[in-house]
C-alpha atoms as a PDB file:
ATOM      1  CA  UNK A   1     -37.703 -14.070 -56.338  1.00  0.00           C
ATOM      2  CA  UNK A   2     -37.044 -10.540 -55.251  1.00  0.00           C
ATOM      3  CA  UNK A   3     -33.629  -9.605 -53.990  1.00  0.00           C
ATOM      4  CA  UNK A   4     -32.708  -6.870 -51.505  1.00  0.00           C
ATOM      5  CA  UNK A   5     -29.429  -5.073 -51.547  1.00  0.00           C
ATOM      6  CA  UNK A   6     -27.504  -4.322 -48.483  1.00  0.00           C
ATOM      7  CA  UNK A   7     -24.221  -2.585 -48.198  1.00  0.00           C
ATOM      8  CA  UNK A   8     -21.581  -1.931 -45.535  1.00  0.00           C
ATOM      9  CA  UNK A   9     -18.887   0.583 -45.625  1.00  0.00           C
ATOM     10  CA  UNK A  10     -15.352  -0.642 -45.005  1.00  0.00           C
ATOM     11  CA  UNK A  11     -14.120   2.158 -42.655  1.00  0.00           C
ATOM     12  CA  UNK A  12     -10.415   1.536 -43.215  1.00  0.00           C
ATOM     13  CA  UNK A  13     -10.456   1.579 -47.049  1.00  0.00           C
ATOM     14  CA  UNK A  14     -13.826   3.416 -47.707  1.00  0.00           C
ATOM     15  CA  UNK A  15     -14.872   0.530 -49.987  1.00  0.00           C
ATOM     16  CA  UNK A  16     -18.544  -0.196 -50.224  1.00  0.00           C
ATOM     17  CA  UNK A  17     -19.391  -3.963 -50.253  1.00  0.00           C
ATOM     18  CA  UNK A  18     -22.816  -4.960 -51.727  1.00  0.00           C
ATOM     19  CA  UNK A  19     -24.641  -8.191 -50.737  1.00  0.00           C
ATOM     20  CA  UNK A  20     -27.765  -9.533 -52.008  1.00  0.00           C
ATOM     21  CA  UNK A  21     -30.322 -11.680 -50.056  1.00  0.00           C
ATOM     22  CA  UNK A  22     -33.666 -13.126 -51.096  1.00  0.00           C
ATOM     23  CA  UNK A  23     -36.805 -11.974 -49.152  1.00  0.00           C
ATOM     24  CA  UNK A  24     -36.647 -15.309 -47.022  1.00  0.00           C
ATOM     25  CA  UNK A  25     -33.005 -14.760 -46.218  1.00  0.00           C
ATOM     26  CA  UNK A  26     -33.816 -11.186 -45.174  1.00  0.00           C
ATOM     27  CA  UNK A  27     -36.646 -12.400 -42.843  1.00  0.00           C
ATOM     28  CA  UNK A  28     -34.298 -14.989 -41.422  1.00  0.00           C
ATOM     29  CA  UNK A  29     -31.502 -12.376 -40.800  1.00  0.00           C
ATOM     30  CA  UNK A  30     -34.193 -10.015 -39.333  1.00  0.00           C
ATOM     31  CA  UNK A  31     -35.407 -12.806 -36.913  1.00  0.00           C
ATOM     32  CA  UNK A  32     -31.809 -13.529 -35.932  1.00  0.00           C
ATOM     33  CA  UNK A  33     -31.068  -9.927 -35.127  1.00  0.00           C
ATOM     34  CA  UNK A  34     -34.300  -9.572 -33.189  1.00  0.00           C
ATOM     35  CA  UNK A  35     -33.376 -12.631 -31.292  1.00  0.00           C
ATOM     36  CA  UNK A  36     -29.927 -11.501 -30.625  1.00  0.00           C
ATOM     37  CA  UNK A  37     -31.276  -8.048 -29.573  1.00  0.00           C
ATOM     38  CA  UNK A  38     -33.730  -9.789 -27.129  1.00  0.00           C
ATOM     39  CA  UNK A  39     -30.926 -11.968 -25.704  1.00  0.00           C
ATOM     40  CA  UNK A  40     -28.789  -8.943 -25.268  1.00  0.00           C
ATOM     41  CA  UNK A  41     -31.638  -7.071 -23.404  1.00  0.00           C
ATOM     42  CA  UNK A  42     -32.293 -10.141 -21.254  1.00  0.00           C
ATOM     43  CA  UNK A  43     -28.607 -10.393 -20.341  1.00  0.00           C
ATOM     44  CA  UNK A  44     -28.576  -6.632 -19.310  1.00  0.00           C
ATOM     45  CA  UNK A  45     -31.868  -6.990 -17.491  1.00  0.00           C
ATOM     46  CA  UNK A  46     -30.787 -10.077 -15.544  1.00  0.00           C
ATOM     47  CA  UNK A  47     -27.533  -8.322 -14.583  1.00  0.00           C
ATOM     48  CA  UNK A  48     -29.566  -5.375 -13.230  1.00  0.00           C
ATOM     49  CA  UNK A  49     -31.879  -7.569 -11.283  1.00  0.00           C
ATOM     50  CA  UNK A  50     -29.414 -10.087  -9.882  1.00  0.00           C
ATOM     51  CA  UNK A  51     -25.965  -8.565 -10.220  1.00  0.00           C
ATOM     52  CA  UNK A  52     -24.554 -11.039 -12.617  1.00  0.00           C
ATOM     53  CA  UNK A  53     -25.039 -12.125 -16.260  1.00  0.00           C
ATOM     54  CA  UNK A  54     -27.310 -15.195 -16.743  1.00  0.00           C
ATOM     55  CA  UNK A  55     -25.530 -18.522 -16.574  1.00  0.00           C
ATOM     56  CA  UNK A  56     -26.822 -22.086 -17.073  1.00  0.00           C
ATOM     57  CA  UNK A  57     -29.637 -21.020 -19.318  1.00  0.00           C
ATOM     58  CA  UNK A  58     -29.845 -22.707 -22.749  1.00  0.00           C
ATOM     59  CA  UNK A  59     -31.538 -19.891 -24.605  1.00  0.00           C
ATOM     60  CA  UNK A  60     -31.066 -21.435 -27.940  1.00  0.00           C
ATOM     61  CA  UNK A  61     -33.679 -23.969 -27.096  1.00  0.00           C
ATOM     62  CA  UNK A  62     -36.292 -21.366 -25.988  1.00  0.00           C
ATOM     63  CA  UNK A  63     -38.988 -20.138 -28.345  1.00  0.00           C
ATOM     64  CA  UNK A  64     -39.440 -16.426 -29.124  1.00  0.00           C
ATOM     65  CA  UNK A  65     -42.528 -16.570 -26.884  1.00  0.00           C
ATOM     66  CA  UNK A  66     -40.577 -17.936 -23.945  1.00  0.00           C
ATOM     67  CA  UNK A  67     -37.785 -15.352 -24.390  1.00  0.00           C
ATOM     68  CA  UNK A  68     -40.298 -12.497 -24.387  1.00  0.00           C
ATOM     69  CA  UNK A  69     -42.080 -13.852 -21.327  1.00  0.00           C
ATOM     70  CA  UNK A  70     -38.612 -14.199 -19.454  1.00  0.00           C
ATOM     71  CA  UNK A  71     -37.762 -10.573 -20.685  1.00  0.00           C
ATOM     72  CA  UNK A  72     -41.151  -9.265 -19.277  1.00  0.00           C
ATOM     73  CA  UNK A  73     -40.596 -11.050 -16.029  1.00  0.00           C
ATOM     74  CA  UNK A  74     -37.102  -9.616 -15.753  1.00  0.00           C
ATOM     75  CA  UNK A  75     -38.533  -6.110 -16.337  1.00  0.00           C
ATOM     76  CA  UNK A  76     -40.951  -6.666 -13.551  1.00  0.00           C
ATOM     77  CA  UNK A  77     -38.232  -7.636 -11.284  1.00  0.00           C
ATOM     78  CA  UNK A  78     -36.192  -4.644 -12.183  1.00  0.00           C
ATOM     79  CA  UNK A  79     -39.063  -2.334 -11.724  1.00  0.00           C
ATOM     80  CA  UNK A  80     -39.679  -3.784  -8.018  1.00  0.00           C
ATOM     81  CA  UNK A  81     -35.886  -3.458  -7.454  1.00  0.00           C
ATOM     82  CA  UNK A  82     -35.987   0.253  -8.507  1.00  0.00           C
ATOM     83  CA  UNK A  83     -39.111   1.000  -6.400  1.00  0.00           C
ATOM     84  CA  UNK A  84     -37.329  -0.742  -3.462  1.00  0.00           C
ATOM     85  CA  UNK A  85     -34.159   1.418  -4.016  1.00  0.00           C
ATOM     86  CA  UNK A  86     -36.235   4.484  -4.239  1.00  0.00           C
ATOM     87  CA  UNK A  87     -37.740   3.677  -0.900  1.00  0.00           C
ATOM     88  CA  UNK A  88     -34.410   2.995   0.690  1.00  0.00           C
ATOM     89  CA  UNK A  89     -33.174   6.278  -0.583  1.00  0.00           C
ATOM     90  CA  UNK A  90     -36.136   8.136   0.921  1.00  0.00           C
ATOM     91  CA  UNK A  91     -35.506   6.404   4.285  1.00  0.00           C
ATOM     92  CA  UNK A  92     -31.895   7.422   4.041  1.00  0.00           C
ATOM     93  CA  UNK A  93     -32.662  11.026   3.408  1.00  0.00           C
ATOM     94  CA  UNK A  94     -35.350  11.036   6.122  1.00  0.00           C
ATOM     95  CA  UNK A  95     -32.729   9.737   8.448  1.00  0.00           C
ATOM     96  CA  UNK A  96     -30.236  12.243   7.420  1.00  0.00           C
ATOM     97  CA  UNK A  97     -32.700  15.067   7.938  1.00  0.00           C
ATOM     98  CA  UNK A  98     -33.376  13.778  11.422  1.00  0.00           C
ATOM     99  CA  UNK A  99     -29.580  13.774  12.091  1.00  0.00           C
ATOM    100  CA  UNK A 100     -29.508  17.466  10.998  1.00  0.00           C
ATOM    101  CA  UNK A 101     -32.446  18.197  13.260  1.00  0.00           C
ATOM    102  CA  UNK A 102     -30.620  16.448  16.189  1.00  0.00           C
ATOM    103  CA  UNK A 103     -27.473  18.486  15.516  1.00  0.00           C
ATOM    104  CA  UNK A 104     -29.412  21.679  15.621  1.00  0.00           C
ATOM    105  CA  UNK A 105     -31.051  20.655  18.859  1.00  0.00           C
ATOM    106  CA  UNK A 106     -27.680  19.836  20.385  1.00  0.00           C
ATOM    107  CA  UNK A 107     -26.352  23.379  19.512  1.00  0.00           C
ATOM    108  CA  UNK A 108     -25.360  23.672  15.770  1.00  0.00           C
ATOM    109  CA  UNK A 109     -25.965  27.326  14.850  1.00  0.00           C
ATOM    110  CA  UNK A 110     -27.619  26.500  11.589  1.00  0.00           C
ATOM    111  CA  UNK A 111     -28.249  23.804   9.028  1.00  0.00           C
ATOM    112  CA  UNK A 112     -24.765  24.130   7.277  1.00  0.00           C
ATOM    113  CA  UNK A 113     -22.971  23.742  10.636  1.00  0.00           C
ATOM    114  CA  UNK A 114     -25.184  20.773  11.418  1.00  0.00           C
ATOM    115  CA  UNK A 115     -24.304  19.136   8.113  1.00  0.00           C
ATOM    116  CA  UNK A 116     -20.482  19.817   8.763  1.00  0.00           C
ATOM    117  CA  UNK A 117     -20.984  18.000  12.132  1.00  0.00           C
ATOM    118  CA  UNK A 118     -22.479  15.041  10.481  1.00  0.00           C
ATOM    119  CA  UNK A 119     -19.749  14.909   7.823  1.00  0.00           C
ATOM    120  CA  UNK A 120     -17.141  15.008  10.603  1.00  0.00           C
ATOM    121  CA  UNK A 121     -18.908  12.112  12.481  1.00  0.00           C
ATOM    122  CA  UNK A 122     -18.974  10.070   9.267  1.00  0.00           C
ATOM    123  CA  UNK A 123     -15.441  10.832   8.638  1.00  0.00           C
ATOM    124  CA  UNK A 124     -14.377   9.847  12.223  1.00  0.00           C
ATOM    125  CA  UNK A 125     -16.280   6.546  11.952  1.00  0.00           C
ATOM    126  CA  UNK A 126     -14.648   5.706   8.512  1.00  0.00           C
ATOM    127  CA  UNK A 127     -11.210   6.384  10.015  1.00  0.00           C
ATOM    128  CA  UNK A 128     -12.066   4.378  13.169  1.00  0.00           C
ATOM    129  CA  UNK A 129     -13.160   1.521  10.901  1.00  0.00           C
ATOM    130  CA  UNK A 130      -9.873   1.723   8.890  1.00  0.00           C
ATOM    131  CA  UNK A 131      -7.849   1.652  12.044  1.00  0.00           C
ATOM    132  CA  UNK A 132      -9.901  -1.403  13.254  1.00  0.00           C
ATOM    133  CA  UNK A 133      -9.219  -3.269   9.980  1.00  0.00           C
ATOM    134  CA  UNK A 134      -5.494  -2.459  10.195  1.00  0.00           C
ATOM    135  CA  UNK A 135      -5.412  -3.796  13.717  1.00  0.00           C
ATOM    136  CA  UNK A 136      -7.216  -7.066  12.695  1.00  0.00           C
ATOM    137  CA  UNK A 137      -4.639  -7.336   9.741  1.00  0.00           C
ATOM    138  CA  UNK A 138      -1.658  -7.112  12.018  1.00  0.00           C
END
């Protein structure tokens, strides 16, 4: 039975600790680490896709193939979300550019002035919203 040596460094005392594992134990440890890595990736992808970590899933009863399929499905969801976000950002950019063009039509001397006008309008709206919320809270 072939044994493998692994070591870890104790950062506090600088001591090196050696452990030995058989090939079968090494394979089991690697599968455990691969599974844990997969579960960590699934958790991160799920949060990216749905805004929270997965709950109410019994991943311990899932096979490796089921986990891999679930991970691939989450990747697809995240990809669609990224594409949707890119489209939304493009729409916002186009809307902002239309606002700049309207400001220039309304008399802004140049693009810089038009942007300043838009920023003032946004600031005024934010302040008005804040006053409205304060009024509601009173």
